[in-house]
Amino acid sequence: MTKKPRQPARFGAEVWQERFVREWSLWDLWYCVVIELDRRMSFRSTNSISFGSG
């Protein structure tokens, strides 16, 4: 059985991918993930507010 070569460790500042003629680092990726999760949680809490007829 052959083993896959081990990938070098990444620390965040290295280029993750190039998208739309821009280099994305792992920091950029994590920042977007955190923002999206925060947005989804805020949206859920906003939708759970019920406005009763008063």
Protein backbone atom coordinates (compact mmCIF):
# COMPACT_ATOMS: atom_id res chain seq x y z
CA MET A 1 0.00 0.00 0.00
CA THR A 2 1.36 3.42 -0.92
CA LYS A 3 0.97 6.40 1.35
CA LYS A 4 -0.05 9.86 0.18
CA PRO A 5 2.67 12.45 0.64
CA ARG A 6 2.03 14.58 3.70
CA GLN A 7 0.96 18.14 2.98
CA PRO A 8 2.95 20.89 4.65
CA ALA A 9 1.32 22.64 7.61
CA ARG A 10 -0.53 25.85 6.89
CA PHE A 11 -0.57 28.72 9.32
CA GLY A 12 -3.03 31.16 7.79
CA ALA A 13 -1.11 33.70 5.79
CA GLU A 14 -0.35 31.31 2.93
CA VAL A 15 -2.49 31.41 -0.19
CA TRP A 16 -5.41 29.02 0.02
CA GLN A 17 -6.88 29.51 -3.45
CA GLU A 18 -7.09 32.07 -6.18
CA ARG A 19 -10.66 33.18 -6.84
CA PHE A 20 -11.85 35.99 -9.08
CA VAL A 21 -8.29 37.14 -9.74
CA ARG A 22 -7.61 37.50 -6.00
CA GLU A 23 -5.54 35.34 -3.71
CA TRP A 24 -7.40 34.07 -0.64
CA SER A 25 -5.48 33.14 2.48
CA LEU A 26 -6.77 30.78 5.14
CA TRP A 27 -7.36 33.85 7.30
CA ASP A 28 -9.67 35.26 4.63
CA LEU A 29 -11.51 31.94 4.50
CA TRP A 30 -11.96 31.72 8.29
CA TYR A 31 -13.06 35.35 8.48
CA CYS A 32 -15.80 34.66 5.91
CA VAL A 33 -16.90 31.50 7.75
CA VAL A 34 -17.17 33.36 11.07
CA ILE A 35 -19.10 36.24 9.50
CA GLU A 36 -21.51 33.85 7.76
CA LEU A 37 -22.15 31.84 10.93
CA ASP A 38 -22.71 35.04 12.91
CA ARG A 39 -25.13 36.29 10.25
CA ARG A 40 -27.08 33.02 10.31
CA MET A 41 -27.31 32.98 14.11
CA SER A 42 -28.48 36.62 14.14
CA PHE A 43 -31.09 35.83 11.50
CA ARG A 44 -32.39 32.86 13.49
CA SER A 45 -32.73 34.87 16.68
CA THR A 46 -34.48 37.67 14.78
CA ASN A 47 -36.92 35.21 13.22
CA SER A 48 -37.70 33.62 16.56
CA ILE A 49 -39.07 36.89 17.97
CA SER A 50 -42.82 36.72 17.97
CA PHE A 51 -44.88 39.86 17.82
CA GLY A 52 -48.14 39.03 19.51
CA SER A 53 -51.27 40.92 18.74
CA GLY A 54 -51.49 43.34 21.47
